[in-house]
């Protein structure tokens, strides 16, 4: 199909003739006998054009034009009339009409105008999508920080999965940011306006699990003095995040599986089924398949949760992000406490880059906060990296700092680091650093 067209005319014969002409040329056409009906078919993202007669009972074409322009000033509206004159045409164009065609007209005249209008509309819609993607990218970069290739890949994967409703299993070491990734999967999804409900399965006593997940009715058990909505029901329409999902008791695994299959639940002490619509995101540190093989986790539930999976890279595998993250969290801590974070010395930076960070981002946040408060200089022990690996990490950080300082201006970076262009390009490519990531929004490349 070449595009969508809405035809509005109170005369059935003309409406049907115009629809036939357009459909024979490959357009997808919806016809309406009046303006009010047409308005129900159009929103700001409508990917087509409107062709309307001017003289109609009730709301005429000029009134329809006013309402469509108020909805979206970039929506092409082509007006047709048998009573047109120059003043009316000028008025219509001033009001925002794309074109004005007088009756009688040839099919070719109308088709030419519709083709041009659709080309314009297609360009407008593509530009809007591009702007939305840029805004989307900026927002997730503020949530999942890092300039390393693993983090770029993670952000891309999260955005792709966020657009779906499939259940996701997040794998990652302790402190790697599994809840932050789960939150991004929710916040950048169509479910963002609904609840995000998090539950750490390892922190709930087994005897309270059923009530916590499914809720209970008053009197369901000793101490149940009122009705309680469980976490699953509270997440209806949104996302349920189960951290350390491997700790979920087997008895509750069976009931959770049934919820995922049937999309219903029963509160403890009730036989009434309650429909729920939710996405489940599980987070694990161990390999959940090992838990399945050991008989501690149900295989059928594993496959229900693991429709898609996300692996969070440990901090030791993205060392070029360490200094960036440290500065970010130290700055946040200093701001909260009304002070400035002291700058890192070269020796402190070297120790940060050489440490293996077994506690990942959580450990780094702790070190950054202590540094910001002046409690102690960061003194992590150097890990198992070779000297060559530590030097690579330090070089990547130096390049990142220079690109950030020069806002991606390559000539300035070359002068600052005293590097020829070819060497700088090779080093940026090796470390996965993209000049565009450092350029100010809306800037024009100078070379």
Protein backbone atom coordinates (compact mmCIF):
# COMPACT_ATOMS: atom_id res chain seq x y z
CA UNK A 1 0.00 0.00 0.00
CA UNK A 2 1.11 3.53 -0.80
CA UNK A 3 -0.46 5.12 2.28
CA UNK A 4 -3.65 5.85 4.21
CA UNK A 5 -6.28 8.37 3.16
CA UNK A 6 -9.49 9.45 4.90
CA UNK A 7 -12.14 10.81 2.51
CA UNK A 8 -14.88 13.04 3.98
CA UNK A 9 -17.91 14.00 1.86
CA UNK A 10 -21.62 14.04 2.62
CA UNK A 11 -22.50 13.07 -0.98
CA UNK A 12 -22.27 9.27 -1.25
CA UNK A 13 -21.68 9.22 -5.04
CA UNK A 14 -18.68 11.57 -4.85
CA UNK A 15 -17.35 9.83 -1.75
CA UNK A 16 -17.47 6.42 -3.45
CA UNK A 17 -15.92 7.71 -6.69
CA UNK A 18 -12.99 9.34 -4.88
CA UNK A 19 -12.48 6.19 -2.78
CA UNK A 20 -12.44 4.03 -5.89
CA UNK A 21 -9.87 6.27 -7.65
CA UNK A 22 -7.57 6.17 -4.65
CA UNK A 23 -7.92 2.44 -4.02
CA UNK A 24 -7.14 1.66 -7.66
CA UNK A 25 -3.88 3.58 -7.16
CA UNK A 26 -2.96 1.42 -4.16
CA UNK A 27 -4.07 3.61 -1.25
CA UNK A 28 -5.85 2.30 1.84
CA UNK A 29 -8.98 4.43 2.11
CA UNK A 30 -11.57 5.04 4.84
CA UNK A 31 -14.58 7.13 3.87
CA UNK A 32 -16.78 9.23 6.18
CA UNK A 33 -20.06 11.02 5.63
CA UNK A 34 -19.20 13.83 8.06
CA UNK A 35 -16.51 15.63 10.01
CA UNK A 36 -17.33 14.11 13.41
CA UNK A 37 -16.84 10.57 12.12
CA UNK A 38 -13.51 11.51 10.56
CA UNK A 39 -12.23 13.01 13.82
CA UNK A 40 -12.66 9.65 15.55
CA UNK A 41 -10.21 8.07 13.07
CA UNK A 42 -7.35 10.55 13.44
CA UNK A 43 -4.77 11.03 16.16
CA UNK A 44 -1.41 12.81 16.23
CA UNK A 45 0.37 9.73 14.91
CA UNK A 46 -2.03 9.12 12.01
CA UNK A 47 0.29 8.10 9.11
CA UNK A 48 -1.79 9.49 6.28
CA UNK A 49 -3.76 12.44 4.88
CA UNK A 50 -7.34 13.73 5.00
CA UNK A 51 -9.31 14.68 1.86
CA UNK A 52 -12.48 16.61 2.72
CA UNK A 53 -15.30 18.44 0.99
CA UNK A 54 -15.84 22.00 2.24
CA UNK A 55 -19.62 22.35 2.03
CA UNK A 56 -21.20 19.80 4.39
CA UNK A 57 -24.08 19.92 6.86
CA UNK A 58 -23.07 20.32 10.49
CA UNK A 59 -19.31 20.87 10.74
CA UNK A 60 -18.01 21.93 7.32
CA UNK A 61 -14.56 21.29 5.87
CA UNK A 62 -13.04 24.50 7.25
CA UNK A 63 -14.20 23.64 10.77
CA UNK A 64 -12.81 20.13 10.35
CA UNK A 65 -9.54 21.68 9.17
CA UNK A 66 -9.38 23.83 12.33
CA UNK A 67 -9.80 20.79 14.56
CA UNK A 68 -7.26 18.69 12.65
CA UNK A 69 -4.67 21.49 12.70
CA UNK A 70 -5.21 21.87 16.46
CA UNK A 71 -4.61 18.13 16.81
CA UNK A 72 -1.51 18.12 14.59
CA UNK A 73 -0.42 21.14 12.55
CA UNK A 74 1.70 18.86 10.34
CA UNK A 75 -1.22 16.67 9.22
CA UNK A 76 -1.88 17.28 5.49
CA UNK A 77 -5.50 18.21 4.77
CA UNK A 78 -6.70 18.54 1.17
CA UNK A 79 -9.95 20.48 0.74
CA UNK A 80 -12.37 20.03 -2.18
CA UNK A 81 -15.28 22.28 -3.11
CA UNK A 82 -17.58 23.11 -5.97
CA UNK A 83 -18.17 26.57 -4.58
CA UNK A 84 -14.57 27.67 -4.20
CA UNK A 85 -13.20 31.07 -4.97
CA UNK A 86 -9.85 32.75 -4.44
CA UNK A 87 -10.66 34.24 -0.99
CA UNK A 88 -11.83 30.86 0.29
CA UNK A 89 -8.70 29.14 -1.05
CA UNK A 90 -6.46 31.74 0.60
CA UNK A 91 -8.35 31.38 3.89
CA UNK A 92 -8.05 27.58 3.80
CA UNK A 93 -4.32 27.70 3.09
CA UNK A 94 -3.82 30.24 5.87
CA UNK A 95 -5.67 27.95 8.25
CA UNK A 96 -3.18 25.20 7.43
CA UNK A 97 -4.66 23.31 4.47
CA UNK A 98 -2.11 21.43 2.39
CA UNK A 99 -3.97 21.93 -0.90
CA UNK A 100 -7.26 23.25 -2.29
CA UNK A 101 -8.94 21.53 -5.26
CA UNK A 102 -12.01 22.86 -7.09
CA UNK A 103 -14.72 20.66 -8.58
CA UNK A 104 -14.85 19.33 -11.20
CA UNK A 105 -11.34 17.86 -11.04
CA UNK A 106 -9.59 14.99 -12.76
CA UNK A 107 -8.43 11.89 -10.86
CA UNK A 108 -4.85 12.78 -11.84
CA UNK A 109 -5.11 16.18 -10.10
CA UNK A 110 -6.28 14.57 -6.87
CA UNK A 111 -3.78 11.69 -7.04
CA UNK A 112 -0.88 14.06 -7.56
CA UNK A 113 -1.86 16.10 -4.51
CA UNK A 114 -2.36 12.98 -2.35
CA UNK A 115 1.03 11.56 -3.39
CA UNK A 116 2.82 14.79 -2.49
CA UNK A 117 0.93 15.11 0.79
CA UNK A 118 1.78 11.54 1.79
CA UNK A 119 5.45 12.09 0.99
CA UNK A 120 5.41 15.09 3.34
CA UNK A 121 3.56 13.14 6.02
CA UNK A 122 5.94 10.21 5.80
CA UNK A 123 8.90 12.54 6.30
CA UNK A 124 7.23 14.22 9.31
CA UNK A 125 6.48 10.85 10.94
CA UNK A 126 10.03 9.57 10.33
CA UNK A 127 11.52 12.72 11.87
CA UNK A 128 9.28 12.40 14.90
CA UNK A 129 10.31 8.78 15.39
CA UNK A 130 13.95 9.77 15.11
CA UNK A 131 13.54 12.51 17.72
CA UNK A 132 11.75 10.07 20.03
CA UNK A 133 14.55 7.53 19.62
CA UNK A 134 17.17 10.16 20.43
CA UNK A 135 15.24 11.18 23.54
CA UNK A 136 14.80 7.52 24.43
CA UNK A 137 18.54 6.94 24.02
CA UNK A 138 19.42 9.96 26.15
CA UNK A 139 17.14 8.86 28.95
CA UNK A 140 18.42 5.30 29.16
CA UNK A 141 22.02 6.52 29.02
CA UNK A 142 21.25 8.52 32.13
CA UNK A 143 20.00 5.33 33.83
CA UNK A 144 22.56 2.78 32.60
CA UNK A 145 25.82 4.71 32.73
CA UNK A 146 28.92 3.78 30.78
CA UNK A 147 30.80 4.35 27.54
CA UNK A 148 32.08 0.79 27.16
CA UNK A 149 30.95 -1.55 24.41
CA UNK A 150 29.30 -3.97 26.88
CA UNK A 151 27.16 -1.12 28.24
CA UNK A 152 26.23 0.13 24.77
CA UNK A 153 25.14 -3.41 23.91
CA UNK A 154 23.19 -3.72 27.18
CA UNK A 155 21.31 -0.45 26.60
CA UNK A 156 20.42 -1.50 23.06
CA UNK A 157 19.15 -4.89 24.26
CA UNK A 158 17.11 -3.33 27.08
CA UNK A 159 15.40 -0.91 24.70
CA UNK A 160 14.57 -3.71 22.27
CA UNK A 161 13.08 -5.89 25.02
CA UNK A 162 11.27 -2.98 26.66
CA UNK A 163 9.15 -2.61 23.54
CA UNK A 164 7.81 -6.15 24.06
CA UNK A 165 5.80 -7.75 26.88
CA UNK A 166 7.80 -10.98 27.18
CA UNK A 167 9.05 -12.21 30.55
CA UNK A 168 12.76 -11.60 31.07
CA UNK A 169 15.44 -13.28 33.19
CA UNK A 170 18.30 -10.98 34.23
CA UNK A 171 21.62 -12.57 35.12
CA UNK A 172 24.39 -10.74 36.89
CA UNK A 173 26.82 -10.78 39.80
CA UNK A 174 25.99 -9.29 43.18
CA UNK A 175 25.84 -5.50 42.99
CA UNK A 176 25.87 -5.35 39.19
CA UNK A 177 22.59 -3.43 38.94
CA UNK A 178 19.95 -6.06 38.17
CA UNK A 179 17.10 -4.02 39.69
CA UNK A 180 18.19 -0.93 37.76
CA UNK A 181 18.02 -2.92 34.50
CA UNK A 182 14.61 -4.31 35.48
CA UNK A 183 13.41 -0.80 36.21
CA UNK A 184 14.56 0.36 32.75
CA UNK A 185 12.73 -2.55 31.11
CA UNK A 186 9.59 -1.22 32.81
CA UNK A 187 10.16 2.55 32.47
CA UNK A 188 10.86 2.39 28.74
CA UNK A 189 7.96 0.03 28.01
CA UNK A 190 4.27 0.60 27.22
CA UNK A 191 3.63 -0.46 30.85
CA UNK A 192 5.55 2.51 32.25
CA UNK A 193 2.42 4.22 33.60
CA UNK A 194 1.46 1.16 35.64
CA UNK A 195 3.06 -0.19 38.86
CA UNK A 196 6.58 -1.56 39.10
CA UNK A 197 6.50 -3.96 42.04
CA UNK A 198 9.78 -5.36 43.36
CA UNK A 199 10.14 -8.33 45.72
CA UNK A 200 13.36 -9.86 47.02
CA UNK A 201 12.52 -13.56 47.24
CA UNK A 202 15.42 -14.25 49.61
CA UNK A 203 14.13 -11.73 52.16
CA UNK A 204 10.65 -13.22 52.72
CA UNK A 205 10.13 -15.99 55.31
CA UNK A 206 8.72 -19.08 53.59
CA UNK A 207 5.56 -19.12 55.73
CA UNK A 208 4.69 -15.59 54.55
CA UNK A 209 5.42 -16.10 50.88
CA UNK A 210 1.92 -17.06 49.73
CA UNK A 211 0.29 -14.09 51.44
CA UNK A 212 3.00 -11.75 50.18
CA UNK A 213 2.65 -12.86 46.55
CA UNK A 214 -1.04 -13.66 46.27
CA UNK A 215 -2.66 -11.69 49.10
CA UNK A 216 -5.26 -13.01 51.55
CA UNK A 217 -8.81 -12.55 52.71
CA UNK A 218 -9.73 -11.58 56.24
CA UNK A 219 -9.50 -14.61 58.54
CA UNK A 220 -7.57 -16.71 56.01
CA UNK A 221 -5.11 -17.61 58.78
CA UNK A 222 -4.33 -16.65 62.34
CA UNK A 223 -3.52 -12.96 62.40
CA UNK A 224 -5.14 -12.17 59.05
CA UNK A 225 -7.41 -9.42 60.36
CA UNK A 226 -8.16 -7.77 57.04
CA UNK A 227 -8.03 -8.28 53.30
CA UNK A 228 -4.57 -7.83 51.75
CA UNK A 229 -3.74 -7.31 48.07
CA UNK A 230 -0.63 -9.34 47.17
CA UNK A 231 2.35 -8.21 45.11
CA UNK A 232 1.12 -9.96 41.95
CA UNK A 233 -2.29 -8.31 42.05
CA UNK A 234 -0.73 -4.95 42.88
CA UNK A 235 1.43 -5.26 39.73
CA UNK A 236 -1.64 -5.71 37.49
CA UNK A 237 -1.03 -3.90 34.21
CA UNK A 238 2.61 -3.33 35.07
CA UNK A 239 5.72 -5.28 36.00
CA UNK A 240 6.55 -7.71 38.81
CA UNK A 241 10.27 -7.87 39.56
CA UNK A 242 11.39 -10.97 41.48
CA UNK A 243 14.95 -10.49 42.69
CA UNK A 244 16.87 -13.65 43.67
CA UNK A 245 14.06 -15.63 42.08
CA UNK A 246 16.02 -18.85 42.71
CA UNK A 247 14.98 -18.47 46.38
CA UNK A 248 11.28 -18.81 45.55
CA UNK A 249 9.91 -21.85 47.49
CA UNK A 250 8.84 -24.78 45.33
CA UNK A 251 5.25 -24.57 46.56
CA UNK A 252 5.02 -20.95 45.40
CA UNK A 253 6.75 -21.76 42.12
CA UNK A 254 3.78 -23.99 41.24
CA UNK A 255 1.29 -21.21 42.01
CA UNK A 256 3.30 -18.56 40.16
CA UNK A 257 3.47 -20.84 37.11
CA UNK A 258 -0.31 -21.14 37.16
CA UNK A 259 -0.66 -17.35 37.30
CA UNK A 260 1.59 -17.01 34.26
CA UNK A 261 -0.33 -19.68 32.37
CA UNK A 262 -3.90 -18.76 33.32
CA UNK A 263 -3.42 -15.02 33.99
CA UNK A 264 -5.58 -15.42 37.10
CA UNK A 265 -4.94 -15.78 40.83
CA UNK A 266 -6.85 -16.55 44.01
CA UNK A 267 -6.10 -14.80 47.27
CA UNK A 268 -5.35 -17.04 50.24
CA UNK A 269 -8.68 -17.98 51.81
CA UNK A 270 -10.73 -17.24 48.68
CA UNK A 271 -12.01 -19.28 45.74
CA UNK A 272 -12.63 -16.23 43.58
CA UNK A 273 -10.39 -15.90 40.51
CA UNK A 274 -8.93 -12.48 39.83
CA UNK A 275 -7.63 -11.68 36.35
CA UNK A 276 -4.18 -10.13 36.18
CA UNK A 277 -2.08 -8.80 33.33
CA UNK A 278 1.58 -8.40 34.18
CA UNK A 279 5.09 -8.86 32.95
CA UNK A 280 7.46 -10.82 35.20
CA UNK A 281 11.16 -10.01 35.35
CA UNK A 282 13.32 -12.37 37.37
CA UNK A 283 16.88 -11.73 38.53
CA UNK A 284 19.41 -14.39 39.46
CA UNK A 285 23.08 -14.59 40.36
CA UNK A 286 23.61 -18.37 39.85
CA UNK A 287 22.86 -20.25 36.64
CA UNK A 288 19.17 -21.06 37.08
CA UNK A 289 19.56 -24.20 34.96
CA UNK A 290 21.89 -25.54 37.64
CA UNK A 291 19.09 -24.96 40.15
CA UNK A 292 16.72 -26.84 37.83
CA UNK A 293 19.10 -29.79 37.55
CA UNK A 294 19.48 -29.84 41.33
CA UNK A 295 15.69 -30.02 41.73
CA UNK A 296 15.44 -26.67 43.49
CA UNK A 297 13.68 -24.84 40.67
CA UNK A 298 10.90 -26.04 38.38
CA UNK A 299 11.92 -26.49 34.77
CA UNK A 300 8.53 -25.40 33.41
CA UNK A 301 8.68 -22.15 35.41
CA UNK A 302 12.25 -21.58 34.25
CA UNK A 303 11.14 -21.63 30.62
CA UNK A 304 8.17 -19.37 31.40
CA UNK A 305 10.47 -16.78 32.95
CA UNK A 306 13.36 -17.18 30.52
CA UNK A 307 11.53 -16.13 27.35
CA UNK A 308 14.32 -13.58 26.94
CA UNK A 309 17.46 -13.08 28.98
CA UNK A 310 19.79 -10.20 29.77
CA UNK A 311 23.36 -10.67 31.01
CA UNK A 312 24.78 -7.70 32.93
CA UNK A 313 28.54 -7.39 32.48
CA UNK A 314 30.54 -7.23 35.73
CA UNK A 315 32.48 -4.04 36.37
CA UNK A 316 35.81 -5.81 35.84
CA UNK A 317 34.81 -6.41 32.20
CA UNK A 318 34.14 -2.74 31.51
CA UNK A 319 37.00 -0.98 33.22
CA UNK A 320 36.74 2.10 31.01
CA UNK A 321 33.50 2.87 32.91
CA UNK A 322 35.05 2.76 36.38
CA UNK A 323 36.30 6.36 36.63
CA UNK A 324 33.13 7.73 35.00
CA UNK A 325 30.93 5.89 37.50
CA UNK A 326 33.16 6.82 40.44
CA UNK A 327 33.04 10.53 39.56
CA UNK A 328 29.26 10.36 39.05
CA UNK A 329 28.50 8.72 42.40
CA UNK A 330 31.05 10.81 44.27
CA UNK A 331 29.45 13.94 42.83
CA UNK A 332 25.99 12.79 43.89
CA UNK A 333 27.17 12.03 47.42
CA UNK A 334 28.95 15.39 47.69
CA UNK A 335 25.85 17.26 46.50
CA UNK A 336 23.63 15.48 49.02
CA UNK A 337 25.97 16.57 51.79
CA UNK A 338 26.52 20.12 50.59
CA UNK A 339 30.19 19.84 49.69
CA UNK A 340 32.50 19.32 46.72
CA UNK A 341 34.08 15.96 46.01
CA UNK A 342 37.90 16.08 46.13
CA UNK A 343 39.58 15.30 42.80
CA UNK A 344 41.18 11.91 42.29
CA UNK A 345 44.95 11.78 42.32
CA UNK A 346 46.72 9.74 39.60
CA UNK A 347 47.59 7.10 42.21
CA UNK A 348 43.97 6.81 43.38
CA UNK A 349 42.76 6.49 39.79
CA UNK A 350 45.32 3.78 39.09
CA UNK A 351 44.15 1.80 42.13
CA UNK A 352 40.51 2.15 41.05
CA UNK A 353 41.30 0.88 37.57
CA UNK A 354 43.40 -2.01 38.89
CA UNK A 355 40.82 -3.30 41.37
CA UNK A 356 38.62 -6.28 40.40
CA UNK A 357 35.48 -4.90 42.13
CA UNK A 358 33.91 -8.18 43.32
CA UNK A 359 31.00 -6.15 44.69
CA UNK A 360 30.57 -4.44 41.31
CA UNK A 361 28.73 -1.09 41.12
CA UNK A 362 27.46 -1.40 44.70
CA UNK A 363 31.02 -1.62 45.99
CA UNK A 364 32.08 1.27 43.76
CA UNK A 365 29.22 3.45 45.08
CA UNK A 366 30.38 2.81 48.63
CA UNK A 367 33.97 3.78 47.76
CA UNK A 368 32.78 6.91 45.91
CA UNK A 369 30.62 8.04 48.84
CA UNK A 370 33.48 7.58 51.30
CA UNK A 371 35.76 9.56 49.00
CA UNK A 372 33.20 12.37 48.64
CA UNK A 373 32.83 12.66 52.41
CA UNK A 374 36.59 12.67 52.95
CA UNK A 375 36.38 9.60 55.19
CA UNK A 376 39.30 7.97 53.42
CA UNK A 377 40.99 7.93 50.09
CA UNK A 378 39.83 4.99 47.95
CA UNK A 379 42.30 2.18 48.63
CA UNK A 380 40.98 -0.91 46.85
CA UNK A 381 43.52 -3.63 46.40
CA UNK A 382 44.88 -4.25 42.94
CA UNK A 383 43.21 -7.32 41.49
CA UNK A 384 44.39 -10.04 39.18
CA UNK A 385 44.93 -7.80 36.14
CA UNK A 386 48.26 -7.82 34.38
CA UNK A 387 50.18 -4.58 33.97
CA UNK A 388 49.21 -4.49 30.28
CA UNK A 389 45.50 -4.80 31.14
CA UNK A 390 45.74 -2.02 33.73
CA UNK A 391 47.51 0.22 31.21
CA UNK A 392 44.77 -0.46 28.63
CA UNK A 393 42.09 0.54 31.14
CA UNK A 394 44.02 3.69 32.06
CA UNK A 395 44.44 4.62 28.38
CA UNK A 396 40.71 4.16 27.75
CA UNK A 397 39.92 6.44 30.67
CA UNK A 398 42.36 9.11 29.45
CA UNK A 399 40.73 9.06 26.01
CA UNK A 400 37.26 9.28 27.53
CA UNK A 401 38.27 12.26 29.69
CA UNK A 402 39.80 14.10 26.73
CA UNK A 403 36.79 13.48 24.47
CA UNK A 404 34.46 14.64 27.21
CA UNK A 405 36.51 17.76 27.93
CA UNK A 406 36.72 18.66 24.23
CA UNK A 407 33.06 17.70 23.56
CA UNK A 408 34.12 15.32 20.80
CA UNK A 409 36.18 17.91 18.90
CA UNK A 410 38.83 15.63 17.38
CA UNK A 411 41.27 18.43 16.54
CA UNK A 412 41.24 19.60 20.17
CA UNK A 413 41.66 16.03 21.46
CA UNK A 414 44.66 15.53 19.14
CA UNK A 415 46.26 18.70 20.50
CA UNK A 416 45.46 17.87 24.11
CA UNK A 417 46.85 14.32 23.97
CA UNK A 418 49.54 15.15 21.38
CA UNK A 419 48.44 12.29 19.13
CA UNK A 420 48.26 12.13 15.31
CA UNK A 421 44.80 11.61 13.83
CA UNK A 422 45.41 8.03 12.69
CA UNK A 423 46.71 6.92 16.10
CA UNK A 424 43.77 8.57 17.88
CA UNK A 425 41.29 6.88 15.55
CA UNK A 426 42.87 3.47 16.11
CA UNK A 427 42.83 3.87 19.90
CA UNK A 428 39.21 5.09 19.94
CA UNK A 429 38.17 2.15 17.78
CA UNK A 430 40.02 -0.34 19.99
CA UNK A 431 38.33 0.98 23.13
CA UNK A 432 34.88 1.30 21.50
CA UNK A 433 34.70 5.10 21.96
CA UNK A 434 32.37 6.92 19.59
CA UNK A 435 32.93 10.60 18.91
CA UNK A 436 29.18 11.18 18.48
CA UNK A 437 28.61 10.20 22.13
CA UNK A 438 30.49 13.32 23.24
CA UNK A 439 29.10 15.88 20.79
CA UNK A 440 26.58 18.43 22.14
CA UNK A 441 22.97 17.88 21.06
CA UNK A 442 22.21 19.57 17.75
CA UNK A 443 25.87 20.31 16.97
CA UNK A 444 27.24 20.20 13.44
CA UNK A 445 30.40 18.22 12.75
CA UNK A 446 33.37 20.39 11.86
CA UNK A 447 35.34 17.71 10.03
